Amino acid sequence: LIDWKAYMAEVEGFANGTRDYTQLRGDTGPLVYPAGFVYVFLGLYYATGRGADVRLAQYIFAGLYLLNLLLVFRIYCRTNKVPPYVFFFMCCASYRIHSIFVLRLFNDPVAMAILFLAVNLFLEERWSWGCLLFSLAVSVKMNILLFAPGLLFLLLKRFGLLGCIPKLCICALLQVVLGLPFLLVNPVGYLSRSFDLGRQFQFKWTVNWRFLPEEVFQSRAFHVLLLLAHLAGLGLFALHRWHRSSESILSLLKDPADRKHPSPPLSIVFVLFSSNFLGVCCSRSLHYQFYVWYFHTLPYLLWCTPTAKLAHMPKVLLLGVIELCWNTYPSTVCSSLSLHICHGLVLLQLWYGTAPLPAPHVPQPSKKPAPLSKKAQ
């Protein structure tokens, strides 16, 4: 519960009147999350007797866990891709996820639950409310930004460039409103601390890069290489897997009514979940609580492609190996390499399993004149 105590110390400063973001800190260091985090955990601070009633906090997070499952199940019911027996593994087979939610009380589950609520709203075509909740999830923890490239693609496809600007303004305006108490006091301190994309991670906590020397892990060149790989992956998926129209991808900038060839229906869930997964694969470091970033999306990513009967067991096995990698503490060279291999296999089946089908061959009409009937002769 080290992080819970640190969270309570950080929001206690806000409760006592501190509005300079750089002055909010806990036992693990300064506060590094956006303003939404402060408001959510300030509510928990007061609900649990200034953070003292840890048992009550765990009950609250147990309720959050059940709500999160309900939201995920609703998404999966809409997609109708994942076989029902896989839900057992999602509910009962992950010790790490139960620990992240109920024992450790991290902010990651809070952000993901809000994100899944936003995805449900997107599926209901309630894009403005969905964008509002998406931005709220970002304000709790920035890992939600890994979904942002996919969301931008969906907004452009649905509304065109001019139509998606109001949706983006909703996202930006909420960030300003939530951060206003800190922006009025020390705007540079708030923006540099809460949206610090260049923060260094400690090598001792990494789950995915244990097989690298520490100097390589901390190298800026390595970080740039991962960023380039991430951008390349997003570009390839956007061009060849998300964009299914015969028109150029630049046609997304047009108003949908002005496009010459309407694109076939696109899975909102596939675009968002694959966008996030590409970011996870290229992360500079994955810590143990980061497992919740994509755990509930893995069944969809594995079963969204056509699956033969004999292929179900390898996919379940892949889920088991990923779970084993995340349950290995401290991480080892073997567990880190195995995790990357599993991620690579998921990416390969996503790439080849969602390839566009070849256009059906339409036989050309015969140019040979039809024979005249006897009456015409």
Protein backbone atom coordinates (compact mmCIF):
# COMPACT_ATOMS: atom_id res chain seq x y z
CA LEU A 1 0.00 0.00 0.00
CA ILE A 2 2.96 2.30 -0.53
CA ASP A 3 1.27 4.01 -3.47
CA TRP A 4 -2.02 4.48 -1.59
CA LYS A 5 -0.20 6.26 1.24
CA ALA A 6 1.65 8.40 -1.31
CA TYR A 7 -1.62 9.28 -3.06
CA MET A 8 -3.19 10.33 0.24
CA ALA A 9 -0.20 12.49 1.12
CA GLU A 10 -0.33 14.16 -2.30
CA VAL A 11 -4.03 15.06 -2.14
CA GLU A 12 -3.76 16.08 1.51
CA GLY A 13 -1.65 19.02 0.39
CA PHE A 14 -4.46 20.07 -1.97
CA ALA A 15 -7.02 19.64 0.84
CA ASN A 16 -4.88 21.94 3.01
CA GLY A 17 -4.96 24.69 0.39
CA THR A 18 -1.84 24.09 -1.71
CA ARG A 19 -2.46 25.01 -5.36
CA ASP A 20 1.13 25.02 -6.59
CA TYR A 21 1.35 21.60 -8.27
CA THR A 22 5.10 21.37 -7.73
CA GLN A 23 4.52 21.44 -3.95
CA LEU A 24 2.26 18.37 -3.90
CA ARG A 25 4.28 15.29 -3.07
CA GLY A 26 4.14 12.00 -1.19
CA ASP A 27 6.53 9.36 0.12
CA THR A 28 7.35 8.14 -3.41
CA GLY A 29 8.15 11.60 -4.76
CA PRO A 30 6.31 14.55 -6.35
CA LEU A 31 2.83 14.27 -7.84
CA VAL A 32 3.10 13.43 -11.55
CA TYR A 33 -0.54 12.84 -12.57
CA PRO A 34 -2.99 15.34 -14.13
CA ALA A 35 -5.58 17.20 -12.09
CA GLY A 36 -8.39 14.63 -12.45
CA PHE A 37 -6.34 12.28 -10.29
CA VAL A 38 -6.35 14.85 -7.48
CA TYR A 39 -10.15 15.19 -7.47
CA VAL A 40 -10.82 11.43 -7.63
CA PHE A 41 -8.45 10.57 -4.81
CA LEU A 42 -9.48 13.63 -2.82
CA GLY A 43 -12.96 12.10 -2.75
CA LEU A 44 -11.44 8.80 -1.56
CA TYR A 45 -9.37 10.76 0.98
CA TYR A 46 -12.49 12.12 2.65
CA ALA A 47 -14.52 8.92 2.19
CA THR A 48 -11.90 6.84 4.02
CA GLY A 49 -11.27 9.17 6.95
CA ARG A 50 -8.30 10.99 5.42
CA GLY A 51 -7.00 7.74 3.95
CA ALA A 52 -6.90 5.85 7.26
CA ASP A 53 -9.68 3.33 6.53
CA VAL A 54 -7.85 1.18 4.01
CA ARG A 55 -10.41 -1.64 4.28
CA LEU A 56 -13.19 0.71 3.11
CA ALA A 57 -10.98 1.85 0.24
CA GLN A 58 -10.51 -1.77 -0.79
CA TYR A 59 -14.28 -2.34 -0.72
CA ILE A 60 -14.71 0.71 -2.97
CA PHE A 61 -12.11 -0.62 -5.38
CA ALA A 62 -13.79 -4.05 -5.33
CA GLY A 63 -16.96 -2.31 -6.48
CA LEU A 64 -14.92 -0.50 -9.15
CA TYR A 65 -13.58 -3.87 -10.29
CA LEU A 66 -17.11 -5.25 -10.73
CA LEU A 67 -18.21 -2.10 -12.56
CA ASN A 68 -15.18 -2.37 -14.83
CA LEU A 69 -16.08 -5.98 -15.66
CA LEU A 70 -19.66 -4.97 -16.43
CA LEU A 71 -18.47 -2.27 -18.84
CA VAL A 72 -16.03 -4.66 -20.55
CA PHE A 73 -18.67 -7.41 -20.87
CA ARG A 74 -21.06 -4.91 -22.43
CA ILE A 75 -18.44 -4.02 -25.04
CA TYR A 76 -17.78 -7.68 -25.79
CA CYS A 77 -21.48 -8.44 -26.10
CA ARG A 78 -21.74 -5.69 -28.71
CA THR A 79 -18.81 -7.05 -30.72
CA ASN A 80 -19.88 -10.72 -30.46
CA LYS A 81 -16.33 -11.92 -31.13
CA VAL A 82 -15.09 -13.57 -27.94
CA PRO A 83 -16.37 -17.05 -26.94
CA PRO A 84 -18.13 -17.08 -23.54
CA TYR A 85 -15.66 -19.42 -21.83
CA VAL A 86 -12.91 -16.77 -22.18
CA PHE A 87 -14.79 -14.57 -19.71
CA PHE A 88 -13.92 -17.07 -16.99
CA PHE A 89 -10.21 -16.36 -17.49
CA MET A 90 -10.89 -12.62 -17.48
CA CYS A 91 -12.76 -12.81 -14.17
CA CYS A 92 -11.00 -15.50 -12.18
CA ALA A 93 -7.59 -16.32 -13.60
CA SER A 94 -5.57 -13.16 -13.00
CA TYR A 95 -4.02 -12.76 -9.58
CA ARG A 96 -2.15 -9.67 -10.75
CA ILE A 97 -5.28 -7.81 -11.86
CA HIS A 98 -7.07 -8.56 -8.59
CA SER A 99 -4.04 -7.25 -6.73
CA ILE A 100 -3.90 -4.06 -8.82
CA PHE A 101 -7.56 -3.30 -8.16
CA VAL A 102 -8.28 -4.43 -4.62
CA LEU A 103 -4.96 -4.75 -2.79
CA ARG A 104 -2.74 -2.02 -4.20
CA LEU A 105 -5.40 0.63 -4.94
CA PHE A 106 -3.59 2.13 -7.94
CA ASN A 107 -5.03 4.94 -10.07
CA ASP A 108 -4.63 2.88 -13.27
CA PRO A 109 -7.90 0.92 -12.74
CA VAL A 110 -9.81 4.16 -12.18
CA ALA A 111 -8.59 5.57 -15.50
CA MET A 112 -9.36 2.33 -17.36
CA ALA A 113 -12.88 2.04 -15.94
CA ILE A 114 -13.67 5.57 -17.16
CA LEU A 115 -12.13 4.70 -20.53
CA PHE A 116 -14.33 1.62 -20.94
CA LEU A 117 -17.36 3.76 -20.10
CA ALA A 118 -16.29 6.13 -22.88
CA VAL A 119 -15.95 3.21 -25.32
CA ASN A 120 -19.50 2.14 -24.47
CA LEU A 121 -20.68 5.65 -25.32
CA PHE A 122 -18.79 5.58 -28.63
CA LEU A 123 -20.56 2.34 -29.49
CA GLU A 124 -23.86 4.09 -28.79
CA GLU A 125 -22.85 6.91 -31.19
CA ARG A 126 -22.75 9.38 -28.29
CA TRP A 127 -19.47 10.88 -29.38
CA SER A 128 -19.55 14.15 -27.43
CA TRP A 129 -20.18 12.42 -24.08
CA GLY A 130 -17.62 9.77 -25.01
CA CYS A 131 -14.97 12.41 -25.71
CA LEU A 132 -15.76 14.11 -22.40
CA LEU A 133 -15.22 10.87 -20.47
CA PHE A 134 -12.15 10.00 -22.54
CA SER A 135 -10.60 13.31 -21.50
CA LEU A 136 -11.61 12.65 -17.89
CA ALA A 137 -9.78 9.30 -18.04
CA VAL A 138 -6.68 11.06 -19.41
CA SER A 139 -6.83 13.46 -16.47
CA VAL A 140 -6.57 10.52 -14.07
CA LYS A 141 -3.60 8.91 -15.84
CA MET A 142 -1.93 9.70 -19.13
CA ASN A 143 -1.66 6.11 -20.37
CA ILE A 144 -5.15 6.67 -21.84
CA LEU A 145 -3.43 8.75 -24.52
CA LEU A 146 -2.36 5.45 -26.10
CA PHE A 147 -5.97 5.18 -27.32
CA ALA A 148 -5.85 8.73 -28.73
CA PRO A 149 -4.50 7.93 -32.25
CA GLY A 150 -7.31 5.43 -32.75
CA LEU A 151 -9.90 7.87 -31.43
CA LEU A 152 -8.64 10.62 -33.75
CA PHE A 153 -8.93 8.24 -36.72
CA LEU A 154 -12.51 7.33 -35.73
CA LEU A 155 -13.50 10.98 -35.30
CA LEU A 156 -12.09 11.89 -38.72
CA LYS A 157 -13.83 8.93 -40.32
CA ARG A 158 -17.14 9.72 -38.67
CA PHE A 159 -17.17 13.53 -38.90
CA GLY A 160 -14.36 14.71 -41.19
CA LEU A 161 -11.83 17.36 -40.17
CA LEU A 162 -14.24 20.22 -39.49
CA GLY A 163 -16.72 17.95 -37.76
CA CYS A 164 -14.21 16.46 -35.34
CA ILE A 165 -12.84 19.83 -34.16
CA PRO A 166 -15.73 20.39 -31.69
CA LYS A 167 -15.11 16.92 -30.22
CA LEU A 168 -11.42 17.70 -29.76
CA CYS A 169 -12.37 21.01 -28.14
CA ILE A 170 -14.46 19.11 -25.60
CA CYS A 171 -11.39 17.05 -24.67
CA ALA A 172 -9.16 20.13 -24.39
CA LEU A 173 -11.70 22.25 -22.50
CA LEU A 174 -12.16 19.65 -19.78
CA GLN A 175 -8.39 19.51 -19.22
CA VAL A 176 -8.33 23.30 -18.81
CA VAL A 177 -11.29 23.31 -16.40
CA LEU A 178 -9.86 20.52 -14.23
CA GLY A 179 -6.40 22.07 -14.17
CA LEU A 180 -7.55 25.64 -13.66
CA PRO A 181 -6.78 25.89 -9.90
CA PHE A 182 -3.19 24.88 -10.65
CA LEU A 183 -2.87 26.79 -13.94
CA LEU A 184 -3.78 30.05 -12.19
CA VAL A 185 -0.98 29.61 -9.64
CA ASN A 186 1.89 27.93 -11.52
CA PRO A 187 0.94 26.98 -15.11
CA VAL A 188 4.44 25.93 -16.15
CA GLY A 189 4.87 23.80 -13.05
CA TYR A 190 1.52 22.07 -13.58
CA LEU A 191 2.02 21.33 -17.29
CA SER A 192 5.63 20.19 -16.93
CA ARG A 193 4.86 17.95 -13.95
CA SER A 194 1.50 16.42 -14.85
CA PHE A 195 2.15 15.90 -18.58
CA ASP A 196 5.84 14.96 -18.40
CA LEU A 197 6.32 12.63 -21.39
CA GLY A 198 10.07 12.39 -20.84
CA ARG A 199 10.03 11.04 -17.29
CA GLN A 200 12.67 8.42 -16.56
CA PHE A 201 11.60 5.04 -15.20
CA GLN A 202 13.54 2.92 -12.72
CA PHE A 203 15.11 -0.19 -14.20
CA LYS A 204 14.33 -2.30 -11.12
CA TRP A 205 10.58 -2.12 -11.81
CA THR A 206 10.57 -2.89 -15.52
CA VAL A 207 8.63 -5.94 -16.65
CA ASN A 208 9.34 -5.79 -20.39
CA TRP A 209 13.00 -4.74 -20.78
CA ARG A 210 14.81 -6.78 -18.11
CA PHE A 211 17.00 -8.46 -20.75
CA LEU A 212 18.61 -5.12 -21.70
CA PRO A 213 21.60 -3.55 -19.93
CA GLU A 214 20.48 -0.70 -17.68
CA GLU A 215 22.46 1.89 -19.64
CA VAL A 216 20.56 0.92 -22.82
CA PHE A 217 17.25 1.00 -20.94
CA GLN A 218 17.96 4.59 -19.81
CA SER A 219 19.37 5.68 -23.17
CA ARG A 220 17.57 8.52 -24.98
CA ALA A 221 18.46 6.92 -28.30
CA PHE A 222 16.61 3.77 -27.26
CA HIS A 223 13.58 5.87 -26.28
CA VAL A 224 13.61 7.61 -29.66
CA LEU A 225 13.85 4.23 -31.40
CA LEU A 226 10.77 3.00 -29.51
CA LEU A 227 8.89 6.18 -30.42
CA LEU A 228 9.72 5.71 -34.10
CA ALA A 229 8.60 2.07 -33.93
CA HIS A 230 5.35 3.18 -32.29
CA LEU A 231 4.68 5.81 -34.96
CA ALA A 232 5.53 3.34 -37.74
CA GLY A 233 3.14 0.77 -36.29
CA LEU A 234 0.34 3.32 -36.02
CA GLY A 235 0.99 4.47 -39.57
CA LEU A 236 0.88 0.93 -40.96
CA PHE A 237 -2.31 0.04 -39.13
CA ALA A 238 -3.98 3.32 -40.06
CA LEU A 239 -3.11 2.92 -43.75
CA HIS A 240 -3.68 -0.80 -44.20
CA ARG A 241 -5.97 -2.06 -41.41
CA TRP A 242 -8.11 0.80 -40.13
CA HIS A 243 -8.62 2.55 -43.49
CA ARG A 244 -10.63 0.24 -45.74
CA SER A 245 -11.88 2.67 -48.39
CA SER A 246 -10.56 2.66 -51.96
CA GLU A 247 -9.93 6.40 -51.58
CA SER A 248 -6.76 7.91 -50.17
CA ILE A 249 -6.53 8.18 -46.40
CA LEU A 250 -6.58 11.95 -46.91
CA SER A 251 -10.26 11.56 -47.79
CA LEU A 252 -10.86 11.33 -44.04
CA LEU A 253 -10.35 15.10 -43.94
CA LYS A 254 -13.42 15.60 -46.11
CA ASP A 255 -16.97 15.79 -44.90
CA PRO A 256 -18.36 12.21 -44.99
CA ALA A 257 -21.08 13.34 -47.41
CA ASP A 258 -18.46 14.55 -49.90
CA ARG A 259 -16.50 11.29 -50.09
CA LYS A 260 -16.79 9.47 -53.40
CA HIS A 261 -16.64 5.91 -52.11
CA PRO A 262 -18.16 5.23 -48.69
CA SER A 263 -15.86 3.01 -46.65
CA PRO A 264 -17.14 -0.28 -45.25
CA PRO A 265 -18.19 -0.40 -41.58
CA LEU A 266 -15.24 -0.20 -39.20
CA SER A 267 -15.04 -1.72 -35.73
CA ILE A 268 -14.67 1.05 -33.17
CA VAL A 269 -13.37 -1.46 -30.65
CA PHE A 270 -10.73 -2.85 -33.02
CA VAL A 271 -9.30 0.60 -33.80
CA LEU A 272 -9.17 1.71 -30.15
CA PHE A 273 -7.85 -1.55 -28.71
CA SER A 274 -5.20 -2.05 -31.41
CA SER A 275 -4.07 1.58 -31.03
CA ASN A 276 -3.55 1.02 -27.31
CA PHE A 277 -1.83 -2.34 -27.84
CA LEU A 278 0.71 -0.83 -30.24
CA GLY A 279 1.58 1.71 -27.56
CA VAL A 280 1.96 -0.98 -24.92
CA CYS A 281 4.30 -2.98 -27.18
CA CYS A 282 6.53 0.07 -27.67
CA SER A 283 6.45 1.36 -24.09
CA ARG A 284 9.72 2.54 -22.58
CA SER A 285 8.85 0.52 -19.50
CA LEU A 286 5.95 -1.50 -18.18
CA HIS A 287 5.52 -1.67 -14.42
CA TYR A 288 3.37 -4.29 -12.74
CA GLN A 289 0.30 -2.07 -12.33
CA PHE A 290 0.42 -1.27 -16.07
CA TYR A 291 -0.94 -4.74 -16.83
CA VAL A 292 -4.44 -3.31 -16.40
CA TRP A 293 -3.78 -1.01 -19.38
CA TYR A 294 -4.51 -3.86 -21.78
CA PHE A 295 -5.48 -6.99 -19.84
CA HIS A 296 -9.21 -6.63 -20.54
CA THR A 297 -8.57 -5.94 -24.24
CA LEU A 298 -6.46 -9.05 -24.88
CA PRO A 299 -9.37 -11.49 -25.43
CA TYR A 300 -10.81 -9.21 -28.11
CA LEU A 301 -7.42 -8.72 -29.78
CA LEU A 302 -6.94 -12.49 -29.92
CA TRP A 303 -10.45 -13.46 -31.02
CA CYS A 304 -11.39 -10.55 -33.30
CA THR A 305 -9.82 -12.44 -36.19
CA PRO A 306 -11.39 -15.60 -37.71
CA THR A 307 -10.57 -18.54 -35.46
CA ALA A 308 -10.63 -22.21 -36.40
CA LYS A 309 -11.71 -24.68 -33.73
CA LEU A 310 -8.20 -25.97 -33.23
CA ALA A 311 -6.83 -22.44 -32.82
CA HIS A 312 -8.74 -21.67 -29.62
CA MET A 313 -6.37 -23.56 -27.35
CA PRO A 314 -3.17 -21.77 -28.59
CA LYS A 315 -4.88 -18.44 -27.93
CA VAL A 316 -5.81 -19.46 -24.40
CA LEU A 317 -2.24 -20.66 -23.92
CA LEU A 318 -0.96 -17.28 -25.11
CA LEU A 319 -3.12 -15.56 -22.47
CA GLY A 320 -1.67 -17.90 -19.86
CA VAL A 321 1.94 -17.16 -20.81
CA ILE A 322 1.29 -13.41 -20.71
CA GLU A 323 -0.26 -13.82 -17.27
CA LEU A 324 2.76 -15.84 -16.12
CA CYS A 325 5.13 -13.13 -17.34
CA TRP A 326 3.27 -10.48 -15.34
CA ASN A 327 3.20 -12.68 -12.24
CA THR A 328 6.97 -13.21 -12.26
CA TYR A 329 8.44 -10.96 -9.57
CA PRO A 330 11.03 -9.65 -9.94
CA SER A 331 11.00 -9.89 -13.71
CA THR A 332 13.69 -11.98 -15.36
CA VAL A 333 15.38 -12.08 -18.74
CA CYS A 334 13.19 -15.06 -19.63
CA SER A 335 9.92 -13.45 -18.52
CA SER A 336 10.67 -10.21 -20.39
CA LEU A 337 11.63 -11.99 -23.59
CA SER A 338 8.57 -14.22 -23.34
CA LEU A 339 6.34 -11.18 -22.94
CA HIS A 340 7.76 -9.61 -26.10
CA ILE A 341 7.34 -12.86 -28.02
CA CYS A 342 3.69 -13.05 -26.93
CA HIS A 343 3.12 -9.43 -27.91
CA GLY A 344 4.71 -10.13 -31.28
CA LEU A 345 2.44 -13.11 -31.87
CA VAL A 346 -0.64 -11.03 -31.03
CA LEU A 347 0.51 -8.33 -33.45
CA LEU A 348 1.13 -10.86 -36.22
CA GLN A 349 -2.29 -12.43 -35.93
CA LEU A 350 -3.86 -8.94 -35.82
CA TRP A 351 -2.01 -7.94 -38.97
CA TYR A 352 -2.62 -11.06 -41.03
CA GLY A 353 -6.00 -11.94 -39.52
CA THR A 354 -7.55 -8.57 -40.38
CA ALA A 355 -6.07 -8.19 -43.87
CA PRO A 356 -8.63 -6.91 -46.41
CA LEU A 357 -10.17 -9.66 -48.49
CA PRO A 358 -9.23 -9.61 -52.18
CA ALA A 359 -11.82 -8.02 -54.42
CA PRO A 360 -14.12 -10.65 -55.93
CA HIS A 361 -13.47 -11.40 -59.59
CA VAL A 362 -16.30 -10.17 -61.79
CA PRO A 363 -16.33 -11.91 -65.17
CA GLN A 364 -16.24 -9.55 -68.12
CA PRO A 365 -19.31 -9.65 -70.35
CA SER A 366 -18.72 -11.47 -73.59
CA LYS A 367 -18.20 -9.22 -76.60
CA LYS A 368 -19.41 -11.93 -78.97
CA PRO A 369 -22.79 -10.88 -80.42
CA ALA A 370 -25.75 -12.94 -79.37
CA PRO A 371 -27.13 -15.25 -82.12
CA LEU A 372 -30.28 -14.06 -83.84
CA SER A 373 -33.48 -15.97 -83.26
CA LYS A 374 -35.16 -17.74 -86.13
CA LYS A 375 -37.95 -15.17 -86.18
CA ALA A 376 -35.44 -12.33 -86.52
CA GLN A 377 -33.78 -14.22 -89.38
